PDB file of all heavy atoms in Angstrom:
ATOM      1  N   SER A   1       5.855 -78.338-161.883  1.00  0.00           N
ATOM      2  CA  SER A   1       6.926 -77.375-161.697  1.00  0.00           C
ATOM      3  C   SER A   1       7.546 -77.563-160.328  1.00  0.00           C
ATOM      4  O   SER A   1       6.865 -77.925-159.370  1.00  0.00           O
ATOM      5  CB  SER A   1       6.400 -75.937-161.815  1.00  0.00           C
ATOM      6  OG  SER A   1       5.836 -75.685-163.078  1.00  0.00           O
ATOM      7  N   CYS A   2       8.821 -77.302-160.237  1.00  0.00           N
ATOM      8  CA  CYS A   2       9.526 -77.358-158.964  1.00  0.00           C
ATOM      9  C   CYS A   2      10.505 -76.201-158.915  1.00  0.00           C
ATOM     10  O   CYS A   2      11.428 -76.129-159.737  1.00  0.00           O
ATOM     11  CB  CYS A   2      10.263 -78.688-158.808  1.00  0.00           C
ATOM     12  SG  CYS A   2      11.348 -78.772-157.359  1.00  0.00           S
ATOM     13  N   GLY A   3      10.316 -75.318-157.956  1.00  0.00           N
ATOM     14  CA  GLY A   3      11.185 -74.172-157.782  1.00  0.00           C
ATOM     15  C   GLY A   3      11.946 -74.249-156.480  1.00  0.00           C
ATOM     16  O   GLY A   3      11.379 -74.605-155.441  1.00  0.00           O
ATOM     17  N   ALA A   4      13.215 -73.899-156.532  1.00  0.00           N
ATOM     18  CA  ALA A   4      14.067 -73.911-155.350  1.00  0.00           C
ATOM     19  C   ALA A   4      14.229 -72.507-154.798  1.00  0.00           C
ATOM     20  O   ALA A   4      14.335 -71.532-155.551  1.00  0.00           O
ATOM     21  CB  ALA A   4      15.432 -74.501-155.681  1.00  0.00           C
ATOM     22  N   SER A   5      14.243 -72.406-153.489  1.00  0.00           N
ATOM     23  CA  SER A   5      14.488 -71.137-152.830  1.00  0.00           C
ATOM     24  C   SER A   5      15.473 -71.350-151.690  1.00  0.00           C
ATOM     25  O   SER A   5      15.741 -72.473-151.277  1.00  0.00           O
ATOM     26  CB  SER A   5      13.190 -70.526-152.300  1.00  0.00           C
ATOM     27  OG  SER A   5      12.604 -71.355-151.312  1.00  0.00           O
ATOM     28  N   GLY A   6      15.991 -70.248-151.167  1.00  0.00           N
ATOM     29  CA  GLY A   6      16.981 -70.337-150.112  1.00  0.00           C
ATOM     30  C   GLY A   6      18.387 -70.279-150.671  1.00  0.00           C
ATOM     31  O   GLY A   6      18.606 -69.969-151.839  1.00  0.00           O
ATOM     32  N   THR A   7      19.341 -70.595-149.829  1.00  0.00           N
ATOM     33  CA  THR A   7      20.744 -70.535-150.210  1.00  0.00           C
ATOM     34  C   THR A   7      21.128 -71.805-150.949  1.00  0.00           C
ATOM     35  O   THR A   7      21.424 -72.835-150.341  1.00  0.00           O
ATOM     36  CB  THR A   7      21.633 -70.347-148.974  1.00  0.00           C
ATOM     37  OG1 THR A   7      21.220 -69.182-148.252  1.00  0.00           O
ATOM     38  CG2 THR A   7      23.087 -70.170-149.400  1.00  0.00           C
ATOM     39  N   ILE A   8      21.105 -71.712-152.269  1.00  0.00           N
ATOM     40  CA  ILE A   8      21.477 -72.847-153.098  1.00  0.00           C
ATOM     41  C   ILE A   8      22.236 -72.342-154.314  1.00  0.00           C
ATOM     42  O   ILE A   8      21.803 -71.414-154.996  1.00  0.00           O
ATOM     43  CB  ILE A   8      20.239 -73.683-153.493  1.00  0.00           C
ATOM     44  CG1 ILE A   8      20.665 -74.924-154.263  1.00  0.00           C
ATOM     45  CG2 ILE A   8      19.233 -72.856-154.264  1.00  0.00           C
ATOM     46  CD1 ILE A   8      19.543 -75.935-154.430  1.00  0.00           C
ATOM     47  N   PHE A   9      23.368 -72.953-154.568  1.00  0.00           N
ATOM     48  CA  PHE A   9      24.233 -72.573-155.679  1.00  0.00           C
ATOM     49  C   PHE A   9      24.736 -73.816-156.389  1.00  0.00           C
ATOM     50  O   PHE A   9      24.676 -74.923-155.864  1.00  0.00           O
ATOM     51  CB  PHE A   9      25.425 -71.740-155.186  1.00  0.00           C
ATOM     52  CG  PHE A   9      25.053 -70.500-154.444  1.00  0.00           C
ATOM     53  CD1 PHE A   9      25.047 -70.479-153.061  1.00  0.00           C
ATOM     54  CD2 PHE A   9      24.716 -69.345-155.130  1.00  0.00           C
ATOM     55  CE1 PHE A   9      24.714 -69.332-152.367  1.00  0.00           C
ATOM     56  CE2 PHE A   9      24.373 -68.192-154.454  1.00  0.00           C
ATOM     57  CZ  PHE A   9      24.373 -68.189-153.067  1.00  0.00           C
ATOM     58  N   SER A  10      25.257 -73.594-157.573  1.00  0.00           N
ATOM     59  CA  SER A  10      25.889 -74.652-158.358  1.00  0.00           C
ATOM     60  C   SER A  10      24.983 -75.862-158.516  1.00  0.00           C
ATOM     61  O   SER A  10      25.377 -77.002-158.252  1.00  0.00           O
ATOM     62  CB  SER A  10      27.224 -75.061-157.717  1.00  0.00           C
ATOM     63  OG  SER A  10      28.111 -73.959-157.632  1.00  0.00           O
ATOM     64  N   ILE A  11      23.769 -75.595-158.961  1.00  0.00           N
ATOM     65  CA  ILE A  11      22.820 -76.675-159.178  1.00  0.00           C
ATOM     66  C   ILE A  11      23.277 -77.521-160.359  1.00  0.00           C
ATOM     67  O   ILE A  11      23.536 -77.007-161.436  1.00  0.00           O
ATOM     68  CB  ILE A  11      21.410 -76.132-159.436  1.00  0.00           C
ATOM     69  CG1 ILE A  11      20.883 -75.415-158.193  1.00  0.00           C
ATOM     70  CG2 ILE A  11      20.471 -77.260-159.829  1.00  0.00           C
ATOM     71  CD1 ILE A  11      19.544 -74.738-158.394  1.00  0.00           C
ATOM     72  N   ASP A  12      23.353 -78.804-160.145  1.00  0.00           N
ATOM     73  CA  ASP A  12      23.716 -79.731-161.213  1.00  0.00           C
ATOM     74  C   ASP A  12      22.472 -80.496-161.657  1.00  0.00           C
ATOM     75  O   ASP A  12      21.823 -80.133-162.628  1.00  0.00           O
ATOM     76  CB  ASP A  12      24.821 -80.682-160.753  1.00  0.00           C
ATOM     77  CG  ASP A  12      25.275 -81.618-161.863  1.00  0.00           C
ATOM     78  OD1 ASP A  12      24.987 -81.333-163.044  1.00  0.00           O
ATOM     79  OD2 ASP A  12      25.917 -82.639-161.562  1.00  0.00           O
ATOM     80  N   VAL A  13      22.143 -81.540-160.922  1.00  0.00           N
ATOM     81  CA  VAL A  13      21.019 -82.380-161.301  1.00  0.00           C
ATOM     82  C   VAL A  13      19.700 -81.788-160.806  1.00  0.00           C
ATOM     83  O   VAL A  13      19.592 -81.360-159.658  1.00  0.00           O
ATOM     84  CB  VAL A  13      21.183 -83.808-160.746  1.00  0.00           C
ATOM     85  CG1 VAL A  13      19.952 -84.645-161.074  1.00  0.00           C
ATOM     86  CG2 VAL A  13      22.432 -84.451-161.304  1.00  0.00           C
ATOM     87  N   MET A  14      18.715 -81.761-161.671  1.00  0.00           N
ATOM     88  CA  MET A  14      17.337 -81.461-161.318  1.00  0.00           C
ATOM     89  C   MET A  14      16.500 -82.592-161.905  1.00  0.00           C
ATOM     90  O   MET A  14      16.587 -82.866-163.100  1.00  0.00           O
ATOM     91  CB  MET A  14      16.898 -80.105-161.869  1.00  0.00           C
ATOM     92  CG  MET A  14      17.793 -78.954-161.442  1.00  0.00           C
ATOM     93  SD  MET A  14      17.249 -77.329-162.055  1.00  0.00           S
ATOM     94  CE  MET A  14      15.910 -76.980-160.913  1.00  0.00           C
ATOM     95  N   ALA A  15      15.719 -83.242-161.065  1.00  0.00           N
ATOM     96  CA  ALA A  15      15.065 -84.464-161.501  1.00  0.00           C
ATOM     97  C   ALA A  15      13.679 -84.611-160.900  1.00  0.00           C
ATOM     98  O   ALA A  15      13.327 -83.951-159.917  1.00  0.00           O
ATOM     99  CB  ALA A  15      15.919 -85.682-161.132  1.00  0.00           C
ATOM    100  N   TRP A  16      12.909 -85.503-161.502  1.00  0.00           N
ATOM    101  CA  TRP A  16      11.589 -85.865-161.026  1.00  0.00           C
ATOM    102  C   TRP A  16      11.527 -87.356-160.746  1.00  0.00           C
ATOM    103  O   TRP A  16      11.971 -88.175-161.563  1.00  0.00           O
ATOM    104  CB  TRP A  16      10.511 -85.505-162.050  1.00  0.00           C
ATOM    105  CG  TRP A  16      10.240 -84.041-162.145  1.00  0.00           C
ATOM    106  CD1 TRP A  16      10.732 -83.176-163.061  1.00  0.00           C
ATOM    107  CD2 TRP A  16       9.390 -83.292-161.274  1.00  0.00           C
ATOM    108  NE1 TRP A  16      10.247 -81.912-162.825  1.00  0.00           N
ATOM    109  CE2 TRP A  16       9.425 -81.949-161.740  1.00  0.00           C
ATOM    110  CE3 TRP A  16       8.611 -83.600-160.156  1.00  0.00           C
ATOM    111  CZ2 TRP A  16       8.703 -80.932-161.113  1.00  0.00           C
ATOM    112  CZ3 TRP A  16       7.899 -82.578-159.536  1.00  0.00           C
ATOM    113  CH2 TRP A  16       7.948 -81.268-160.022  1.00  0.00           C
ATOM    114  N   TYR A  17      10.977 -87.703-159.597  1.00  0.00           N
ATOM    115  CA  TYR A  17      10.722 -89.077-159.209  1.00  0.00           C
ATOM    116  C   TYR A  17       9.242 -89.250-158.921  1.00  0.00           C
ATOM    117  O   TYR A  17       8.527 -88.279-158.666  1.00  0.00           O
ATOM    118  CB  TYR A  17      11.511 -89.453-157.954  1.00  0.00           C
ATOM    119  CG  TYR A  17      13.008 -89.593-158.138  1.00  0.00           C
ATOM    120  CD1 TYR A  17      13.824 -88.485-158.315  1.00  0.00           C
ATOM    121  CD2 TYR A  17      13.607 -90.850-158.108  1.00  0.00           C
ATOM    122  CE1 TYR A  17      15.189 -88.609-158.470  1.00  0.00           C
ATOM    123  CE2 TYR A  17      14.980 -90.992-158.260  1.00  0.00           C
ATOM    124  CZ  TYR A  17      15.762 -89.871-158.443  1.00  0.00           C
ATOM    125  OH  TYR A  17      17.124 -90.011-158.589  1.00  0.00           O
ATOM    126  N   ARG A  18       8.789 -90.478-158.928  1.00  0.00           N
ATOM    127  CA  ARG A  18       7.420 -90.773-158.508  1.00  0.00           C
ATOM    128  C   ARG A  18       7.431 -91.966-157.574  1.00  0.00           C
ATOM    129  O   ARG A  18       8.290 -92.836-157.656  1.00  0.00           O
ATOM    130  CB  ARG A  18       6.501 -91.021-159.700  1.00  0.00           C
ATOM    131  CG  ARG A  18       6.770 -92.307-160.467  1.00  0.00           C
ATOM    132  CD  ARG A  18       5.868 -92.374-161.678  1.00  0.00           C
ATOM    133  NE  ARG A  18       5.951 -93.653-162.361  1.00  0.00           N
ATOM    134  CZ  ARG A  18       5.809 -93.818-163.661  1.00  0.00           C
ATOM    135  NH1 ARG A  18       5.572 -92.770-164.448  1.00  0.00           N
ATOM    136  NH2 ARG A  18       5.897 -95.022-164.197  1.00  0.00           N
ATOM    137  N   GLN A  19       6.450 -92.015-156.688  1.00  0.00           N
ATOM    138  CA  GLN A  19       6.396 -93.069-155.694  1.00  0.00           C
ATOM    139  C   GLN A  19       4.956 -93.389-155.333  1.00  0.00           C
ATOM    140  O   GLN A  19       4.199 -92.505-154.954  1.00  0.00           O
ATOM    141  CB  GLN A  19       7.163 -92.676-154.429  1.00  0.00           C
ATOM    142  CG  GLN A  19       7.278 -93.782-153.394  1.00  0.00           C
ATOM    143  CD  GLN A  19       8.184 -93.400-152.245  1.00  0.00           C
ATOM    144  OE1 GLN A  19       8.300 -92.221-151.903  1.00  0.00           O
ATOM    145  NE2 GLN A  19       8.852 -94.382-151.656  1.00  0.00           N
ATOM    146  N   ALA A  20       4.611 -94.656-155.456  1.00  0.00           N
ATOM    147  CA  ALA A  20       3.319 -95.146-155.016  1.00  0.00           C
ATOM    148  C   ALA A  20       3.448 -95.651-153.582  1.00  0.00           C
ATOM    149  O   ALA A  20       4.531 -96.041-153.149  1.00  0.00           O
ATOM    150  CB  ALA A  20       2.835 -96.264-155.933  1.00  0.00           C
ATOM    151  N   PRO A  21       2.356 -95.661-152.814  1.00  0.00           N
ATOM    152  CA  PRO A  21       2.411 -96.126-151.427  1.00  0.00           C
ATOM    153  C   PRO A  21       2.992 -97.531-151.316  1.00  0.00           C
ATOM    154  O   PRO A  21       2.569 -98.439-152.030  1.00  0.00           O
ATOM    155  CB  PRO A  21       0.952 -96.101-150.989  1.00  0.00           C
ATOM    156  CG  PRO A  21       0.327 -95.052-151.841  1.00  0.00           C
ATOM    157  CD  PRO A  21       1.009 -95.188-153.175  1.00  0.00           C
ATOM    158  N   GLY A  22       3.972 -97.698-150.438  1.00  0.00           N
ATOM    159  CA  GLY A  22       4.574 -98.997-150.209  1.00  0.00           C
ATOM    160  C   GLY A  22       5.530 -99.464-151.279  1.00  0.00           C
ATOM    161  O   GLY A  22       5.987-100.611-151.237  1.00  0.00           O
ATOM    162  N   LYS A  23       5.852 -98.611-152.239  1.00  0.00           N
ATOM    163  CA  LYS A  23       6.738 -98.990-153.318  1.00  0.00           C
ATOM    164  C   LYS A  23       7.952 -98.077-153.375  1.00  0.00           C
ATOM    165  O   LYS A  23       7.995 -97.032-152.729  1.00  0.00           O
ATOM    166  CB  LYS A  23       5.992 -98.969-154.659  1.00  0.00           C
ATOM    167  CG  LYS A  23       4.860 -99.986-154.742  1.00  0.00           C
ATOM    168  CD  LYS A  23       4.233-100.004-156.115  1.00  0.00           C
ATOM    169  CE  LYS A  23       3.137-101.044-156.206  1.00  0.00           C
ATOM    170  NZ  LYS A  23       2.520-101.071-157.553  1.00  0.00           N
ATOM    171  N   GLN A  24       8.931 -98.495-154.150  1.00  0.00           N
ATOM    172  CA  GLN A  24      10.154 -97.724-154.293  1.00  0.00           C
ATOM    173  C   GLN A  24       9.912 -96.439-155.075  1.00  0.00           C
ATOM    174  O   GLN A  24       9.062 -96.374-155.960  1.00  0.00           O
ATOM    175  CB  GLN A  24      11.228 -98.546-155.002  1.00  0.00           C
ATOM    176  CG  GLN A  24      11.748 -99.738-154.216  1.00  0.00           C
ATOM    177  CD  GLN A  24      12.849-100.467-154.960  1.00  0.00           C
ATOM    178  OE1 GLN A  24      12.962-100.384-156.184  1.00  0.00           O
ATOM    179  NE2 GLN A  24      13.675-101.188-154.223  1.00  0.00           N
ATOM    180  N   ARG A  25      10.683 -95.431-154.715  1.00  0.00           N
ATOM    181  CA  ARG A  25      10.672 -94.196-155.480  1.00  0.00           C
ATOM    182  C   ARG A  25      11.452 -94.412-156.772  1.00  0.00           C
ATOM    183  O   ARG A  25      12.580 -94.902-156.755  1.00  0.00           O
ATOM    184  CB  ARG A  25      11.287 -93.072-154.650  1.00  0.00           C
ATOM    185  CG  ARG A  25      11.127 -91.693-155.250  1.00  0.00           C
ATOM    186  CD  ARG A  25      11.537 -90.611-154.252  1.00  0.00           C
ATOM    187  NE  ARG A  25      10.660 -90.600-153.086  1.00  0.00           N
ATOM    188  CZ  ARG A  25      10.745 -89.710-152.100  1.00  0.00           C
ATOM    189  NH1 ARG A  25      11.665 -88.752-152.144  1.00  0.00           N
ATOM    190  NH2 ARG A  25       9.918 -89.778-151.065  1.00  0.00           N
ATOM    191  N   LYS A  26      10.846 -94.045-157.886  1.00  0.00           N
ATOM    192  CA  LYS A  26      11.429 -94.307-159.190  1.00  0.00           C
ATOM    193  C   LYS A  26      11.741 -93.013-159.933  1.00  0.00           C
ATOM    194  O   LYS A  26      10.956 -92.065-159.901  1.00  0.00           O
ATOM    195  CB  LYS A  26      10.484 -95.157-160.044  1.00  0.00           C
ATOM    196  CG  LYS A  26      10.167 -96.528-159.461  1.00  0.00           C
ATOM    197  CD  LYS A  26       9.210 -97.284-160.357  1.00  0.00           C
ATOM    198  CE  LYS A  26       8.886 -98.652-159.792  1.00  0.00           C
ATOM    199  NZ  LYS A  26       7.941 -99.390-160.656  1.00  0.00           N
ATOM    200  N   LEU A  27      12.864 -93.012-160.610  1.00  0.00           N
ATOM    201  CA  LEU A  27      13.251 -91.862-161.417  1.00  0.00           C
ATOM    202  C   LEU A  27      12.387 -91.783-162.668  1.00  0.00           C
ATOM    203  O   LEU A  27      12.248 -92.758-163.398  1.00  0.00           O
ATOM    204  CB  LEU A  27      14.723 -91.966-161.805  1.00  0.00           C
ATOM    205  CG  LEU A  27      15.278 -90.872-162.718  1.00  0.00           C
ATOM    206  CD1 LEU A  27      15.228 -89.514-162.023  1.00  0.00           C
ATOM    207  CD2 LEU A  27      16.702 -91.204-163.136  1.00  0.00           C
ATOM    208  N   VAL A  28      11.834 -90.613-162.912  1.00  0.00           N
ATOM    209  CA  VAL A  28      11.042 -90.361-164.110  1.00  0.00           C
ATOM    210  C   VAL A  28      11.881 -89.659-165.170  1.00  0.00           C
ATOM    211  O   VAL A  28      11.940 -90.093-166.328  1.00  0.00           O
ATOM    212  CB  VAL A  28       9.790 -89.528-163.798  1.00  0.00           C
ATOM    213  CG1 VAL A  28       8.988 -89.266-165.073  1.00  0.00           C
ATOM    214  CG2 VAL A  28       8.931 -90.230-162.755  1.00  0.00           C
TER     215      VAL A  28
END
């Protein structure tokens, strides 16, 4: 789960990425 707080409006993209040490962050 990922929840946003603070002043944020007009949310478009919500996404998950993963990253192993020393490697590129990849879109899941």
